[in-house]
Protein backbone atom coordinates (compact mmCIF):
# COMPACT_ATOMS: atom_id res chain seq x y z
CA UNK A 1 -31.03 11.05 0.63
CA UNK A 2 -29.84 8.02 -1.28
CA UNK A 3 -26.93 5.82 -0.97
CA UNK A 4 -25.02 3.54 -3.29
CA UNK A 5 -21.48 2.26 -4.41
CA UNK A 6 -19.25 3.37 -6.89
CA UNK A 7 -17.93 0.65 -8.87
CA UNK A 8 -15.68 -0.11 -12.03
CA UNK A 9 -12.89 1.47 -10.50
CA UNK A 10 -10.19 -0.60 -11.22
CA UNK A 11 -11.52 -0.57 -14.89
CA UNK A 12 -11.15 3.14 -15.38
CA UNK A 13 -7.94 4.39 -16.59
CA UNK A 14 -6.30 6.48 -13.62
CA UNK A 15 -2.88 7.21 -14.35
CA UNK A 16 -2.03 8.18 -10.61
CA UNK A 17 -4.43 6.06 -8.69
CA UNK A 18 -2.03 5.83 -5.63
CA UNK A 19 -2.22 9.98 -5.84
CA UNK A 20 -6.00 10.14 -6.30
CA UNK A 21 -6.88 7.80 -3.54
CA UNK A 22 -4.68 9.65 -1.02
CA UNK A 23 -6.96 12.50 -1.76
CA UNK A 24 -10.13 10.76 -1.45
CA UNK A 25 -11.86 10.38 2.04
CA UNK A 26 -15.12 10.52 3.76
CA UNK A 27 -16.68 14.24 3.17
CA UNK A 28 -15.18 14.44 -0.58
CA UNK A 29 -17.03 15.73 -2.93
CA UNK A 30 -17.71 14.10 -6.48
CA UNK A 31 -19.80 14.73 -9.44
CA UNK A 32 -22.20 12.37 -11.23
CA UNK A 33 -23.18 12.54 -14.65
CA UNK A 34 -25.71 10.77 -16.99
CA UNK A 35 -23.82 8.29 -19.59
CA UNK A 36 -26.47 7.61 -22.13
CA UNK A 37 -24.05 6.92 -24.93
CA UNK A 38 -22.48 3.85 -22.52
CA UNK A 39 -22.20 0.65 -24.65
CA UNK A 40 -23.25 -1.35 -21.55
CA UNK A 41 -25.74 0.41 -19.85
CA UNK A 42 -27.54 3.58 -21.14
CA UNK A 43 -28.56 4.20 -17.74
CA UNK A 44 -24.95 4.51 -16.44
CA UNK A 45 -24.06 7.12 -14.66
CA UNK A 46 -20.36 8.17 -14.32
CA UNK A 47 -18.54 9.39 -11.24
CA UNK A 48 -15.91 11.96 -11.32
CA UNK A 49 -13.52 13.57 -8.68
CA UNK A 50 -12.79 16.91 -10.51
CA UNK A 51 -11.98 16.01 -14.44
CA UNK A 52 -10.69 12.65 -13.35
CA UNK A 53 -13.31 9.65 -14.09
CA UNK A 54 -13.13 7.36 -11.33
CA UNK A 55 -16.22 4.55 -11.61
CA UNK A 56 -20.02 4.45 -12.01
CA UNK A 57 -22.95 4.44 -9.65
CA UNK A 58 -24.11 0.70 -9.13
CA UNK A 59 -26.43 -0.19 -11.68
CA UNK A 60 -29.27 -1.15 -9.19
CA UNK A 61 -29.54 2.92 -8.55
CA UNK A 62 -28.16 4.43 -11.65
CA UNK A 63 -31.26 3.72 -13.90
CA UNK A 64 -33.58 5.35 -11.13
CA UNK A 65 -31.35 8.19 -11.04
CA UNK A 66 -30.48 8.71 -14.59
CA UNK A 67 -34.38 9.02 -15.43
CA UNK A 68 -34.53 11.51 -12.83
CA UNK A 69 -31.79 13.45 -14.01
CA UNK A 70 -33.27 13.24 -17.17
CA UNK A 71 -36.58 14.21 -16.29
CA UNK A 72 -35.49 16.86 -14.43
CA UNK A 73 -33.02 18.20 -16.93
CA UNK A 74 -29.92 18.07 -14.91
CA UNK A 75 -26.95 17.46 -16.20
CA UNK A 76 -24.80 16.71 -12.90
CA UNK A 77 -25.20 16.19 -9.82
CA UNK A 78 -22.40 16.57 -6.53
CA UNK A 79 -22.36 13.38 -3.98
CA UNK A 80 -20.24 13.11 -0.87
CA UNK A 81 -18.15 10.22 -0.56
CA UNK A 82 -19.59 8.38 3.16
CA UNK A 83 -16.70 5.73 3.38
CA UNK A 84 -14.13 3.84 1.30
CA UNK A 85 -14.55 -0.34 1.23
CA UNK A 86 -10.98 -1.45 0.25
CA UNK A 87 -7.86 -0.22 -0.93
CA UNK A 88 -6.55 1.54 -4.10
CA UNK A 89 -4.61 -2.02 -4.88
CA UNK A 90 -7.99 -4.13 -4.74
CA UNK A 91 -11.28 -3.22 -5.93
CA UNK A 92 -11.97 -0.12 -3.65
CA UNK A 93 -15.94 0.68 -3.87
CA UNK A 94 -16.86 4.14 -2.78
CA UNK A 95 -19.88 4.62 -0.81
CA UNK A 96 -21.53 8.04 -1.44
CA UNK A 97 -25.20 10.04 -0.89
CA UNK A 98 -27.05 12.46 -2.56
């Protein structure tokens, strides 16, 4: 198992941010998907809660994860939230395990 932080959460366009954060807790499952067309990082790994894009796996981990997913022809992975650092009003960081 690997742990990583989900970053960029405050930059994602989430309409009902507070509603979403009432549902995301330790144990919540999230979806990770490669995003090779991302203009900032071709190794970006997008994190979603259902169909809602909430952030990205931190760059230090995303490169290796994206490469493994591409090599194994995996379109997405499920991860679980271990904890949340911060609140929805500031810059929360999800810590996930996969």
